[in-house]
Amino acid sequence: MKKIIILTLVVLVTAINSWAQECTTMWPYIYKEFQEGTLYMVGGKQYTHQFNVHVKDSRLHYVEKGIIKETRSEDIVLVKIGSDIYMNVDGRVMKVIGSDERGFVATLILGDFDKLNSSAGAYGGSSNSSATTKLSSVAIGGITIVNHMELRENRDNGQTLPLTYKYYIVTKGKVYAATKRGINSQLTESEAAEFKAFLKNHKIKWNDPQSLMTILDFFNK
């Protein structure tokens, strides 16, 4: 997996706030359209489909014969959608916004359904195992099989769905919420003291992905 990251990932700086205007309660996806991409799976298999990322639980969806389906998270290594790369981090796909051989910084993009006073499961996804391709049908809005064109035609009928963005640092097989508190919570007392000293010498901008890349220095001394 590390080899794939090194060979495939590049530093990506994207104006992610522009995605919000495309996302509605009737189209809870990052992209306005399903886009061609390549899925790299555990075991080395690759699949090419039209992909999108559902913002309820940051799940990877794809279209097959006009039906929207969901990829089993445990089978995903990474997916490339257009020029964007998403890694499987703790069962959710996160957009990589900076990377090198030491690790990467990613953002988790979720719909703020609570802000809309929506029910928790209104647009959620659940899957049923498929033995042949390890890909599964998805339930959206209580419908087991979703017709892509029908959903697409109704996407503008919903309310604008606000999105939340949370940064994470992934290195040496560990995942850290990219906040001072999030990192400290996973450090020993002595490590926390070292991290405090590190922050004094490095002015980290916690909302700047490129600045967050500097923290990889701390974990890879």
N, C-alpha and C. Protein backbone atom coordinates (compact mmCIF):
# COMPACT_ATOMS: atom_id res chain seq x y z
N MET A 1 0.83 -1.20 0.00
CA MET A 1 0.00 0.00 0.00
C MET A 1 0.87 1.26 0.00
N LYS A 2 1.98 1.24 0.79
CA LYS A 2 2.87 2.38 0.84
C LYS A 2 3.46 2.66 -0.52
N LYS A 3 3.79 1.57 -1.25
CA LYS A 3 4.36 1.71 -2.58
C LYS A 3 3.36 2.40 -3.51
N ILE A 4 2.10 2.03 -3.38
CA ILE A 4 1.06 2.65 -4.21
C ILE A 4 0.96 4.13 -3.92
N ILE A 5 1.03 4.48 -2.62
CA ILE A 5 0.93 5.88 -2.23
C ILE A 5 2.09 6.67 -2.83
N ILE A 6 3.32 6.13 -2.70
CA ILE A 6 4.50 6.83 -3.18
C ILE A 6 4.45 7.04 -4.68
N LEU A 7 4.04 6.00 -5.41
CA LEU A 7 4.05 6.06 -6.87
C LEU A 7 2.89 6.85 -7.43
N THR A 8 1.79 6.87 -6.71
CA THR A 8 0.55 7.42 -7.28
C THR A 8 0.21 8.82 -6.81
N LEU A 9 0.40 9.09 -5.51
CA LEU A 9 -0.09 10.35 -4.96
C LEU A 9 0.82 11.52 -5.28
N VAL A 10 0.24 12.65 -5.54
CA VAL A 10 0.96 13.90 -5.73
C VAL A 10 0.33 14.93 -4.81
N VAL A 11 1.07 15.99 -4.55
CA VAL A 11 0.53 17.04 -3.70
C VAL A 11 -0.60 17.75 -4.43
N LEU A 12 -1.75 17.79 -3.79
CA LEU A 12 -2.94 18.39 -4.41
C LEU A 12 -3.40 19.58 -3.59
N VAL A 13 -3.51 20.72 -4.20
CA VAL A 13 -4.05 21.90 -3.53
C VAL A 13 -5.30 22.31 -4.29
N THR A 14 -6.47 22.17 -3.66
CA THR A 14 -7.74 22.36 -4.36
C THR A 14 -8.64 23.31 -3.58
N ALA A 15 -9.39 24.12 -4.28
CA ALA A 15 -10.37 25.00 -3.62
C ALA A 15 -11.60 24.18 -3.31
N ILE A 16 -11.57 23.45 -2.17
CA ILE A 16 -12.61 22.49 -1.87
C ILE A 16 -13.95 23.15 -1.54
N ASN A 17 -13.93 24.40 -1.15
CA ASN A 17 -15.19 25.04 -0.81
C ASN A 17 -16.13 25.16 -2.00
N SER A 18 -15.61 25.08 -3.22
CA SER A 18 -16.46 25.20 -4.41
C SER A 18 -17.37 24.00 -4.57
N TRP A 19 -17.07 22.88 -3.90
CA TRP A 19 -17.91 21.68 -4.02
C TRP A 19 -19.28 21.90 -3.41
N ALA A 20 -19.34 22.76 -2.38
CA ALA A 20 -20.57 22.89 -1.61
C ALA A 20 -21.76 23.28 -2.48
N GLN A 21 -21.52 24.08 -3.53
CA GLN A 21 -22.63 24.55 -4.34
C GLN A 21 -23.27 23.43 -5.16
N GLU A 22 -22.59 22.30 -5.32
CA GLU A 22 -23.12 21.20 -6.11
C GLU A 22 -23.95 20.22 -5.27
N CYS A 23 -23.83 20.29 -3.96
CA CYS A 23 -24.39 19.27 -3.08
C CYS A 23 -25.75 19.70 -2.54
N THR A 24 -26.76 18.84 -2.70
CA THR A 24 -28.09 19.12 -2.17
C THR A 24 -28.60 17.88 -1.44
N THR A 25 -29.72 18.06 -0.74
CA THR A 25 -30.30 16.93 -0.01
C THR A 25 -30.82 15.86 -0.95
N MET A 26 -31.07 16.22 -2.21
CA MET A 26 -31.50 15.23 -3.20
C MET A 26 -30.33 14.71 -4.02
N TRP A 27 -29.17 15.32 -3.84
CA TRP A 27 -27.95 14.88 -4.53
C TRP A 27 -26.80 15.03 -3.54
N PRO A 28 -26.73 14.13 -2.55
CA PRO A 28 -25.74 14.27 -1.47
C PRO A 28 -24.36 13.74 -1.88
N TYR A 29 -23.81 14.33 -2.91
CA TYR A 29 -22.54 13.89 -3.46
C TYR A 29 -21.57 15.06 -3.61
N ILE A 30 -20.29 14.76 -3.56
CA ILE A 30 -19.26 15.78 -3.72
C ILE A 30 -19.27 16.36 -5.13
N TYR A 31 -19.41 15.49 -6.12
CA TYR A 31 -19.35 15.94 -7.51
C TYR A 31 -20.74 16.08 -8.12
N LYS A 32 -20.86 17.04 -9.01
CA LYS A 32 -22.15 17.29 -9.66
C LYS A 32 -22.57 16.13 -10.55
N GLU A 33 -21.58 15.42 -11.08
CA GLU A 33 -21.83 14.25 -11.91
C GLU A 33 -20.96 13.09 -11.43
N PHE A 34 -21.42 11.86 -11.65
CA PHE A 34 -20.53 10.72 -11.45
C PHE A 34 -19.43 10.81 -12.50
N GLN A 35 -18.19 10.63 -12.08
CA GLN A 35 -17.06 10.81 -12.98
C GLN A 35 -16.26 9.53 -13.12
N GLU A 36 -15.64 9.39 -14.29
CA GLU A 36 -14.84 8.19 -14.53
C GLU A 36 -13.64 8.16 -13.59
N GLY A 37 -13.39 6.99 -13.04
CA GLY A 37 -12.27 6.84 -12.13
C GLY A 37 -11.79 5.41 -12.08
N THR A 38 -10.71 5.20 -11.35
CA THR A 38 -10.14 3.87 -11.19
C THR A 38 -10.06 3.54 -9.71
N LEU A 39 -10.59 2.39 -9.35
CA LEU A 39 -10.59 1.91 -7.98
C LEU A 39 -9.50 0.86 -7.81
N TYR A 40 -8.61 1.07 -6.85
CA TYR A 40 -7.56 0.12 -6.52
C TYR A 40 -7.97 -0.61 -5.24
N MET A 41 -8.10 -1.93 -5.34
CA MET A 41 -8.67 -2.70 -4.24
C MET A 41 -7.61 -3.55 -3.54
N VAL A 42 -7.92 -3.94 -2.32
CA VAL A 42 -7.07 -4.86 -1.58
C VAL A 42 -6.91 -6.14 -2.40
N GLY A 43 -5.69 -6.59 -2.54
CA GLY A 43 -5.44 -7.77 -3.36
C GLY A 43 -4.93 -7.42 -4.75
N GLY A 44 -4.95 -6.12 -5.08
CA GLY A 44 -4.37 -5.68 -6.34
C GLY A 44 -5.33 -5.51 -7.50
N LYS A 45 -6.60 -5.86 -7.33
CA LYS A 45 -7.54 -5.71 -8.44
C LYS A 45 -7.86 -4.23 -8.68
N GLN A 46 -8.18 -3.92 -9.94
CA GLN A 46 -8.56 -2.57 -10.33
C GLN A 46 -9.89 -2.60 -11.08
N TYR A 47 -10.71 -1.58 -10.84
CA TYR A 47 -11.98 -1.46 -11.55
C TYR A 47 -12.15 -0.03 -12.04
N THR A 48 -12.68 0.11 -13.23
CA THR A 48 -12.99 1.42 -13.79
C THR A 48 -14.51 1.59 -13.84
N HIS A 49 -14.99 2.66 -13.22
CA HIS A 49 -16.43 2.94 -13.18
C HIS A 49 -16.63 4.45 -13.20
N GLN A 50 -17.88 4.85 -13.18
CA GLN A 50 -18.26 6.23 -12.92
C GLN A 50 -18.47 6.34 -11.41
N PHE A 51 -17.66 7.17 -10.73
CA PHE A 51 -17.67 7.23 -9.27
C PHE A 51 -18.16 8.59 -8.76
N ASN A 52 -18.60 8.56 -7.49
CA ASN A 52 -18.89 9.77 -6.74
C ASN A 52 -18.75 9.43 -5.26
N VAL A 53 -18.65 10.44 -4.42
CA VAL A 53 -18.50 10.23 -2.98
C VAL A 53 -19.73 10.76 -2.27
N HIS A 54 -20.43 9.87 -1.59
CA HIS A 54 -21.64 10.21 -0.84
C HIS A 54 -21.23 10.86 0.48
N VAL A 55 -21.85 12.00 0.81
CA VAL A 55 -21.39 12.78 1.96
C VAL A 55 -22.08 12.43 3.27
N LYS A 56 -22.89 11.37 3.29
CA LYS A 56 -23.47 10.95 4.57
C LYS A 56 -22.40 10.31 5.45
N ASP A 57 -21.68 9.34 4.92
CA ASP A 57 -20.63 8.67 5.67
C ASP A 57 -19.33 8.61 4.89
N SER A 58 -19.22 9.45 3.86
CA SER A 58 -18.04 9.47 2.99
C SER A 58 -17.80 8.10 2.39
N ARG A 59 -18.83 7.58 1.73
CA ARG A 59 -18.76 6.27 1.08
C ARG A 59 -18.60 6.45 -0.42
N LEU A 60 -17.93 5.48 -1.02
CA LEU A 60 -17.69 5.52 -2.46
C LEU A 60 -18.83 4.82 -3.20
N HIS A 61 -19.50 5.57 -4.07
CA HIS A 61 -20.58 5.03 -4.89
C HIS A 61 -20.14 4.99 -6.35
N TYR A 62 -20.76 4.10 -7.10
CA TYR A 62 -20.47 4.00 -8.53
C TYR A 62 -21.75 3.62 -9.26
N VAL A 63 -21.73 3.79 -10.57
CA VAL A 63 -22.90 3.47 -11.39
C VAL A 63 -22.60 2.25 -12.24
N GLU A 64 -23.52 1.28 -12.19
CA GLU A 64 -23.39 0.08 -13.02
C GLU A 64 -24.74 -0.23 -13.64
N LYS A 65 -24.80 -0.19 -14.96
CA LYS A 65 -26.04 -0.43 -15.70
C LYS A 65 -27.17 0.47 -15.21
N GLY A 66 -26.84 1.73 -14.95
CA GLY A 66 -27.83 2.71 -14.56
C GLY A 66 -28.23 2.68 -13.10
N ILE A 67 -27.65 1.76 -12.32
CA ILE A 67 -28.00 1.62 -10.90
C ILE A 67 -26.83 2.10 -10.04
N ILE A 68 -27.13 2.88 -8.99
CA ILE A 68 -26.10 3.35 -8.07
C ILE A 68 -25.81 2.26 -7.05
N LYS A 69 -24.54 1.95 -6.89
CA LYS A 69 -24.11 0.94 -5.93
C LYS A 69 -23.01 1.50 -5.04
N GLU A 70 -22.72 0.77 -3.98
CA GLU A 70 -21.71 1.21 -3.02
C GLU A 70 -20.57 0.20 -2.94
N THR A 71 -19.36 0.71 -2.91
CA THR A 71 -18.19 -0.15 -2.77
C THR A 71 -17.97 -0.49 -1.30
N ARG A 72 -17.65 -1.74 -1.04
CA ARG A 72 -17.36 -2.15 0.34
C ARG A 72 -16.08 -1.47 0.80
N SER A 73 -16.18 -0.68 1.88
CA SER A 73 -15.05 0.13 2.33
C SER A 73 -13.82 -0.69 2.66
N GLU A 74 -14.03 -1.89 3.22
CA GLU A 74 -12.89 -2.70 3.63
C GLU A 74 -12.08 -3.22 2.45
N ASP A 75 -12.62 -3.11 1.24
CA ASP A 75 -11.91 -3.60 0.06
C ASP A 75 -11.15 -2.49 -0.67
N ILE A 76 -11.31 -1.24 -0.23
CA ILE A 76 -10.72 -0.11 -0.94
C ILE A 76 -9.31 0.18 -0.43
N VAL A 77 -8.38 0.39 -1.36
CA VAL A 77 -7.08 0.97 -1.02
C VAL A 77 -7.14 2.45 -1.35
N LEU A 78 -7.36 2.76 -2.60
CA LEU A 78 -7.54 4.14 -3.02
C LEU A 78 -8.38 4.19 -4.28
N VAL A 79 -8.91 5.36 -4.57
CA VAL A 79 -9.65 5.57 -5.81
C VAL A 79 -9.23 6.90 -6.40
N LYS A 80 -9.04 6.91 -7.69
CA LYS A 80 -8.70 8.14 -8.40
C LYS A 80 -9.92 8.54 -9.21
N ILE A 81 -10.46 9.73 -8.92
CA ILE A 81 -11.62 10.26 -9.63
C ILE A 81 -11.16 11.53 -10.34
N GLY A 82 -11.08 11.47 -11.65
CA GLY A 82 -10.51 12.60 -12.37
C GLY A 82 -9.07 12.80 -11.91
N SER A 83 -8.76 14.01 -11.46
CA SER A 83 -7.42 14.30 -10.95
C SER A 83 -7.34 14.18 -9.43
N ASP A 84 -8.45 13.83 -8.79
CA ASP A 84 -8.50 13.72 -7.33
C ASP A 84 -8.21 12.30 -6.87
N ILE A 85 -7.54 12.19 -5.73
CA ILE A 85 -7.23 10.88 -5.16
C ILE A 85 -7.82 10.78 -3.76
N TYR A 86 -8.50 9.69 -3.51
CA TYR A 86 -9.09 9.42 -2.20
C TYR A 86 -8.48 8.14 -1.64
N MET A 87 -8.13 8.20 -0.36
CA MET A 87 -7.60 7.03 0.33
C MET A 87 -8.64 6.50 1.31
N ASN A 88 -8.63 5.20 1.52
CA ASN A 88 -9.48 4.59 2.54
C ASN A 88 -8.81 4.81 3.89
N VAL A 89 -9.45 5.60 4.74
CA VAL A 89 -8.93 5.89 6.07
C VAL A 89 -9.99 5.49 7.09
N ASP A 90 -9.72 4.42 7.81
CA ASP A 90 -10.66 3.92 8.82
C ASP A 90 -12.07 3.71 8.26
N GLY A 91 -12.14 3.19 7.04
CA GLY A 91 -13.43 2.82 6.47
C GLY A 91 -14.15 3.91 5.71
N ARG A 92 -13.55 5.11 5.66
CA ARG A 92 -14.16 6.20 4.91
C ARG A 92 -13.14 6.73 3.91
N VAL A 93 -13.63 7.17 2.74
CA VAL A 93 -12.70 7.70 1.75
C VAL A 93 -12.47 9.18 2.03
N MET A 94 -11.19 9.56 2.10
CA MET A 94 -10.80 10.93 2.36
C MET A 94 -9.97 11.45 1.20
N LYS A 95 -10.20 12.70 0.85
CA LYS A 95 -9.49 13.31 -0.27
C LYS A 95 -8.08 13.71 0.15
N VAL A 96 -7.10 13.21 -0.57
CA VAL A 96 -5.70 13.53 -0.29
C VAL A 96 -5.39 14.92 -0.83
N ILE A 97 -4.88 15.78 0.05
CA ILE A 97 -4.57 17.15 -0.37
C ILE A 97 -3.09 17.47 -0.22
N GLY A 98 -2.31 16.53 0.25
CA GLY A 98 -0.87 16.69 0.34
C GLY A 98 -0.25 15.36 0.71
N SER A 99 0.85 14.99 0.08
CA SER A 99 1.45 13.69 0.38
C SER A 99 2.92 13.67 0.00
N ASP A 100 3.66 12.80 0.67
CA ASP A 100 5.01 12.44 0.26
C ASP A 100 5.26 11.03 0.79
N GLU A 101 6.53 10.58 0.75
CA GLU A 101 6.81 9.20 1.13
C GLU A 101 6.58 8.93 2.61
N ARG A 102 6.43 9.97 3.43
CA ARG A 102 6.24 9.79 4.87
C ARG A 102 4.78 9.61 5.26
N GLY A 103 3.86 10.07 4.43
CA GLY A 103 2.45 9.99 4.77
C GLY A 103 1.66 11.02 3.97
N PHE A 104 0.47 11.34 4.46
CA PHE A 104 -0.34 12.31 3.72
C PHE A 104 -1.31 13.05 4.63
N VAL A 105 -1.78 14.18 4.12
CA VAL A 105 -2.82 14.96 4.77
C VAL A 105 -4.08 14.80 3.93
N ALA A 106 -5.20 14.51 4.58
CA ALA A 106 -6.45 14.29 3.85
C ALA A 106 -7.57 15.06 4.53
N THR A 107 -8.63 15.29 3.76
CA THR A 107 -9.79 15.96 4.33
C THR A 107 -11.01 15.04 4.24
N LEU A 108 -11.75 14.97 5.33
CA LEU A 108 -13.00 14.22 5.38
C LEU A 108 -14.13 15.21 5.13
N ILE A 109 -14.91 14.94 4.09
CA ILE A 109 -15.98 15.85 3.68
C ILE A 109 -17.32 15.19 3.97
N LEU A 110 -18.10 15.80 4.84
CA LEU A 110 -19.39 15.23 5.22
C LEU A 110 -20.50 16.27 5.11
N GLY A 111 -21.69 15.81 4.82
CA GLY A 111 -22.84 16.70 4.81
C GLY A 111 -23.28 16.98 6.24
N ASP A 112 -23.63 18.22 6.51
CA ASP A 112 -24.09 18.60 7.85
C ASP A 112 -25.61 18.40 7.91
N PHE A 113 -26.02 17.14 8.03
CA PHE A 113 -27.44 16.81 8.04
C PHE A 113 -28.14 17.31 9.30
N ASP A 114 -27.41 17.35 10.41
CA ASP A 114 -28.00 17.85 11.65
C ASP A 114 -28.41 19.31 11.49
N LYS A 115 -27.62 20.05 10.75
CA LYS A 115 -27.92 21.46 10.55
C LYS A 115 -29.23 21.64 9.79
N LEU A 116 -29.55 20.69 8.98
CA LEU A 116 -30.81 20.74 8.22
C LEU A 116 -31.97 20.11 8.98
N ASN A 117 -31.69 19.64 10.20
CA ASN A 117 -32.70 18.96 11.00
C ASN A 117 -33.26 17.75 10.27
N SER A 118 -32.38 17.08 9.51
CA SER A 118 -32.79 15.88 8.79
C SER A 118 -32.68 14.69 9.71
N SER A 119 -33.42 13.64 9.40
CA SER A 119 -33.29 12.41 10.17
C SER A 119 -31.94 11.79 9.87
N ALA A 120 -31.36 11.10 10.85
CA ALA A 120 -30.00 10.60 10.76
C ALA A 120 -29.79 9.68 9.58
N GLY A 121 -30.80 8.90 9.22
CA GLY A 121 -30.59 7.93 8.16
C GLY A 121 -31.24 8.27 6.84
N ALA A 122 -31.66 9.51 6.68
CA ALA A 122 -32.44 9.87 5.50
C ALA A 122 -31.72 9.61 4.19
N TYR A 123 -30.41 9.84 4.21
CA TYR A 123 -29.67 9.66 2.96
C TYR A 123 -28.51 8.71 3.15
N GLY A 124 -28.60 7.86 4.13
CA GLY A 124 -27.50 6.97 4.44
C GLY A 124 -27.40 5.81 3.49
N GLY A 125 -26.30 5.09 3.61
CA GLY A 125 -26.09 3.94 2.73
C GLY A 125 -25.84 2.68 3.52
N SER A 126 -26.39 1.58 3.07
CA SER A 126 -26.09 0.29 3.66
C SER A 126 -25.86 -0.69 2.54
N SER A 127 -25.08 -1.71 2.78
CA SER A 127 -24.69 -2.57 1.66
C SER A 127 -25.00 -4.03 1.92
N ASN A 128 -25.17 -4.76 0.81
CA ASN A 128 -25.34 -6.21 0.84
C ASN A 128 -24.20 -6.81 0.05
N SER A 129 -23.52 -7.80 0.63
CA SER A 129 -22.30 -8.33 0.04
C SER A 129 -22.53 -8.94 -1.33
N SER A 130 -21.57 -8.71 -2.23
CA SER A 130 -21.58 -9.32 -3.55
C SER A 130 -20.32 -10.16 -3.67
N ALA A 131 -20.45 -11.46 -3.88
CA ALA A 131 -19.31 -12.36 -3.84
C ALA A 131 -18.38 -12.22 -5.02
N THR A 132 -18.90 -11.81 -6.16
CA THR A 132 -18.07 -11.82 -7.36
C THR A 132 -17.11 -10.65 -7.44
N THR A 133 -17.60 -9.43 -7.26
CA THR A 133 -16.73 -8.26 -7.41
C THR A 133 -16.47 -7.55 -6.10
N LYS A 134 -17.07 -8.02 -5.01
CA LYS A 134 -16.95 -7.37 -3.71
C LYS A 134 -17.52 -5.95 -3.74
N LEU A 135 -18.45 -5.72 -4.65
CA LEU A 135 -19.16 -4.45 -4.73
C LEU A 135 -20.62 -4.74 -4.40
N SER A 136 -21.34 -3.72 -3.93
CA SER A 136 -22.67 -4.01 -3.41
C SER A 136 -23.71 -2.98 -3.81
N SER A 137 -24.99 -3.41 -3.76
CA SER A 137 -26.09 -2.47 -3.96
C SER A 137 -26.19 -1.58 -2.74
N VAL A 138 -26.69 -0.38 -2.94
CA VAL A 138 -26.77 0.58 -1.84
C VAL A 138 -28.20 1.03 -1.62
N ALA A 139 -28.54 1.26 -0.35
CA ALA A 139 -29.86 1.79 -0.02
C ALA A 139 -29.75 3.28 0.24
N ILE A 140 -30.48 4.08 -0.49
CA ILE A 140 -30.50 5.52 -0.29
C ILE A 140 -31.94 5.94 -0.10
N GLY A 141 -32.21 6.65 0.98
CA GLY A 141 -33.57 7.11 1.24
C GLY A 141 -34.54 5.96 1.39
N GLY A 142 -34.06 4.80 1.86
CA GLY A 142 -34.92 3.66 2.08
C GLY A 142 -35.17 2.84 0.84
N ILE A 143 -34.58 3.21 -0.30
CA ILE A 143 -34.77 2.46 -1.54
C ILE A 143 -33.54 1.60 -1.78
N THR A 144 -33.73 0.30 -1.92
CA THR A 144 -32.59 -0.61 -2.05
C THR A 144 -31.85 -0.40 -3.36
N ILE A 145 -32.57 -0.26 -4.45
CA ILE A 145 -31.94 -0.05 -5.75
C ILE A 145 -32.30 1.35 -6.24
N VAL A 146 -31.28 2.15 -6.56
CA VAL A 146 -31.51 3.53 -6.95
C VAL A 146 -31.16 3.74 -8.41
N ASN A 147 -32.11 4.26 -9.16
CA ASN A 147 -31.87 4.57 -10.56
C ASN A 147 -31.10 5.87 -10.66
N HIS A 148 -29.95 5.81 -11.30
CA HIS A 148 -29.07 6.97 -11.38
C HIS A 148 -29.75 8.15 -12.06
N MET A 149 -30.41 7.93 -13.19
CA MET A 149 -31.02 9.02 -13.94
C MET A 149 -32.15 9.69 -13.17
N GLU A 150 -32.94 8.89 -12.44
CA GLU A 150 -34.04 9.46 -11.66
C GLU A 150 -33.51 10.36 -10.55
N LEU A 151 -32.46 9.88 -9.87
CA LEU A 151 -31.86 10.68 -8.81
C LEU A 151 -31.25 11.96 -9.38
N ARG A 152 -30.59 11.83 -10.51
CA ARG A 152 -29.94 12.96 -11.17
C ARG A 152 -30.96 14.02 -11.58
N GLU A 153 -32.09 13.58 -12.10
CA GLU A 153 -33.12 14.52 -12.57
C GLU A 153 -33.73 15.31 -11.42
N ASN A 154 -33.68 14.75 -10.21
CA ASN A 154 -34.30 15.41 -9.06
C ASN A 154 -33.30 16.12 -8.16
N ARG A 155 -32.04 16.17 -8.57
CA ARG A 155 -31.01 16.69 -7.67
C ARG A 155 -31.20 18.17 -7.32
N ASP A 156 -31.79 18.94 -8.24
CA ASP A 156 -31.96 20.37 -7.98
C ASP A 156 -33.21 20.67 -7.16
N ASN A 157 -33.99 19.65 -6.84
CA ASN A 157 -35.21 19.85 -6.07
C ASN A 157 -34.97 19.89 -4.57
N GLY A 158 -33.77 19.51 -4.15
CA GLY A 158 -33.46 19.48 -2.73
C GLY A 158 -32.90 20.80 -2.24
N GLN A 159 -32.70 20.88 -0.92
CA GLN A 159 -32.08 22.05 -0.31
C GLN A 159 -30.57 21.96 -0.47
N THR A 160 -29.92 23.11 -0.50
CA THR A 160 -28.46 23.12 -0.51
C THR A 160 -27.96 22.46 0.77
N LEU A 161 -27.07 21.52 0.62
CA LEU A 161 -26.56 20.77 1.76
C LEU A 161 -25.20 21.33 2.19
N PRO A 162 -25.13 21.94 3.38
CA PRO A 162 -23.84 22.45 3.85
C PRO A 162 -22.89 21.29 4.13
N LEU A 163 -21.61 21.53 3.92
CA LEU A 163 -20.60 20.49 4.12
C LEU A 163 -19.65 20.88 5.24
N THR A 164 -19.12 19.88 5.91
CA THR A 164 -18.09 20.10 6.91
C THR A 164 -16.79 19.49 6.40
N TYR A 165 -15.67 20.11 6.77
CA TYR A 165 -14.36 19.65 6.33
C TYR A 165 -13.47 19.45 7.55
N LYS A 166 -12.93 18.25 7.69
CA LYS A 166 -12.02 17.96 8.79
C LYS A 166 -10.74 17.37 8.22
N TYR A 167 -9.61 17.90 8.69
CA TYR A 167 -8.32 17.43 8.21
C TYR A 167 -7.78 16.30 9.09
N TYR A 168 -7.07 15.38 8.44
CA TYR A 168 -6.43 14.28 9.15
C TYR A 168 -5.01 14.09 8.62
N ILE A 169 -4.14 13.63 9.50
CA ILE A 169 -2.76 13.31 9.14
C ILE A 169 -2.59 11.81 9.27
N VAL A 170 -2.09 11.18 8.23
CA VAL A 170 -1.91 9.73 8.22
C VAL A 170 -0.44 9.43 7.99
N THR A 171 0.18 8.74 8.93
CA THR A 171 1.59 8.41 8.82
C THR A 171 1.91 7.19 9.67
N LYS A 172 2.79 6.35 9.19
CA LYS A 172 3.23 5.15 9.90
C LYS A 172 2.05 4.29 10.37
N GLY A 173 1.01 4.22 9.57
CA GLY A 173 -0.13 3.38 9.89
C GLY A 173 -1.08 3.95 10.93
N LYS A 174 -0.87 5.20 11.34
CA LYS A 174 -1.74 5.82 12.33
C LYS A 174 -2.46 7.03 11.73
N VAL A 175 -3.63 7.31 12.30
CA VAL A 175 -4.46 8.42 11.82
C VAL A 175 -4.64 9.42 12.97
N TYR A 176 -4.33 10.68 12.69
CA TYR A 176 -4.44 11.73 13.70
C TYR A 176 -5.38 12.83 13.20
N ALA A 177 -6.35 13.20 14.02
CA ALA A 177 -7.14 14.38 13.70
C ALA A 177 -6.19 15.57 13.71
N ALA A 178 -6.22 16.37 12.66
CA ALA A 178 -5.23 17.44 12.50
C ALA A 178 -5.60 18.68 13.32
N THR A 179 -5.64 18.48 14.62
CA THR A 179 -5.81 19.57 15.58
C THR A 179 -4.82 19.33 16.70
N LYS A 180 -4.48 20.37 17.42
CA LYS A 180 -3.54 20.21 18.53
C LYS A 180 -4.07 19.21 19.55
N ARG A 181 -5.34 19.33 19.88
CA ARG A 181 -5.95 18.41 20.85
C ARG A 181 -6.01 16.99 20.31
N GLY A 182 -6.37 16.87 19.02
CA GLY A 182 -6.48 15.54 18.42
C GLY A 182 -5.16 14.79 18.43
N ILE A 183 -4.08 15.49 18.13
CA ILE A 183 -2.76 14.85 18.12
C ILE A 183 -2.30 14.55 19.54
N ASN A 184 -2.44 15.51 20.44
CA ASN A 184 -2.00 15.30 21.82
C ASN A 184 -2.70 14.12 22.48
N SER A 185 -3.96 13.88 22.10
CA SER A 185 -4.72 12.80 22.72
C SER A 185 -4.14 11.43 22.42
N GLN A 186 -3.29 11.34 21.40
CA GLN A 186 -2.72 10.05 21.01
C GLN A 186 -1.23 9.96 21.35
N LEU A 187 -0.71 10.95 22.08
CA LEU A 187 0.70 10.95 22.44
C LEU A 187 0.90 10.60 23.90
N THR A 188 2.06 10.04 24.20
CA THR A 188 2.43 9.81 25.59
C THR A 188 2.79 11.16 26.21
N GLU A 189 3.00 11.17 27.51
CA GLU A 189 3.34 12.42 28.19
C GLU A 189 4.63 13.02 27.64
N SER A 190 5.63 12.17 27.43
CA SER A 190 6.91 12.67 26.92
C SER A 190 6.78 13.13 25.46
N GLU A 191 5.99 12.41 24.68
CA GLU A 191 5.77 12.80 23.28
C GLU A 191 5.02 14.12 23.20
N ALA A 192 4.07 14.32 24.11
CA ALA A 192 3.31 15.56 24.13
C ALA A 192 4.22 16.75 24.44
N ALA A 193 5.19 16.54 25.33
CA ALA A 193 6.15 17.60 25.65
C ALA A 193 7.01 17.92 24.42
N GLU A 194 7.41 16.89 23.70
CA GLU A 194 8.20 17.09 22.47
C GLU A 194 7.36 17.82 21.41
N PHE A 195 6.10 17.46 21.34
CA PHE A 195 5.23 18.09 20.35
C PHE A 195 5.01 19.56 20.68
N LYS A 196 4.90 19.87 21.95
CA LYS A 196 4.75 21.27 22.37
C LYS A 196 5.96 22.09 21.95
N ALA A 197 7.15 21.50 22.14
CA ALA A 197 8.38 22.18 21.72
C ALA A 197 8.44 22.33 20.20
N PHE A 198 7.97 21.30 19.51
CA PHE A 198 7.95 21.33 18.04
C PHE A 198 7.06 22.47 17.54
N LEU A 199 5.91 22.65 18.17
CA LEU A 199 4.98 23.69 17.74
C LEU A 199 5.54 25.09 18.01
N LYS A 200 6.39 25.22 19.02
CA LYS A 200 7.00 26.52 19.29
C LYS A 200 7.95 26.92 18.18
N ASN A 201 8.57 25.92 17.56
CA ASN A 201 9.53 26.19 16.49
C ASN A 201 8.91 26.17 15.10
N HIS A 202 7.67 25.71 15.03
CA HIS A 202 6.98 25.63 13.74
C HIS A 202 5.58 26.23 13.89
N LYS A 203 5.36 27.34 13.25
CA LYS A 203 4.07 28.02 13.35
C LYS A 203 3.07 27.34 12.41
N ILE A 204 2.36 26.38 12.97
CA ILE A 204 1.42 25.60 12.17
C ILE A 204 0.11 26.36 11.99
N LYS A 205 -0.34 26.43 10.74
CA LYS A 205 -1.66 26.98 10.44
C LYS A 205 -2.60 25.79 10.27
N TRP A 206 -3.46 25.59 11.23
CA TRP A 206 -4.25 24.37 11.30
C TRP A 206 -5.29 24.26 10.19
N ASN A 207 -5.58 25.33 9.49
CA ASN A 207 -6.52 25.28 8.37
C ASN A 207 -5.82 25.31 7.02
N ASP A 208 -4.50 25.17 7.04
CA ASP A 208 -3.70 25.19 5.81
C ASP A 208 -3.09 23.81 5.58
N PRO A 209 -3.56 23.07 4.59
CA PRO A 209 -3.05 21.71 4.34
C PRO A 209 -1.54 21.65 4.16
N GLN A 210 -0.97 22.63 3.48
CA GLN A 210 0.48 22.61 3.27
C GLN A 210 1.23 22.83 4.57
N SER A 211 0.68 23.65 5.44
CA SER A 211 1.28 23.84 6.76
C SER A 211 1.19 22.56 7.58
N LEU A 212 0.08 21.85 7.45
CA LEU A 212 -0.09 20.59 8.19
C LEU A 212 0.92 19.53 7.75
N MET A 213 1.39 19.62 6.51
CA MET A 213 2.40 18.67 6.05
C MET A 213 3.66 18.74 6.90
N THR A 214 3.92 19.91 7.48
CA THR A 214 5.11 20.08 8.33
C THR A 214 5.07 19.14 9.53
N ILE A 215 3.87 18.81 9.99
CA ILE A 215 3.74 17.94 11.17
C ILE A 215 4.28 16.54 10.89
N LEU A 216 4.34 16.16 9.61
CA LEU A 216 4.94 14.87 9.28
C LEU A 216 6.39 14.81 9.73
N ASP A 217 7.05 15.97 9.81
CA ASP A 217 8.44 16.01 10.30
C ASP A 217 8.51 15.51 11.74
N PHE A 218 7.51 15.86 12.54
CA PHE A 218 7.52 15.45 13.95
C PHE A 218 7.40 13.94 14.09
N PHE A 219 6.57 13.33 13.27
CA PHE A 219 6.35 11.89 13.38
C PHE A 219 7.40 11.06 12.64
N ASN A 220 8.27 11.72 11.91
CA ASN A 220 9.28 10.99 11.12
C ASN A 220 10.68 11.55 11.38
N LYS A 221 10.99 11.73 12.65
CA LYS A 221 12.30 12.27 13.04
C LYS A 221 13.38 11.22 12.82
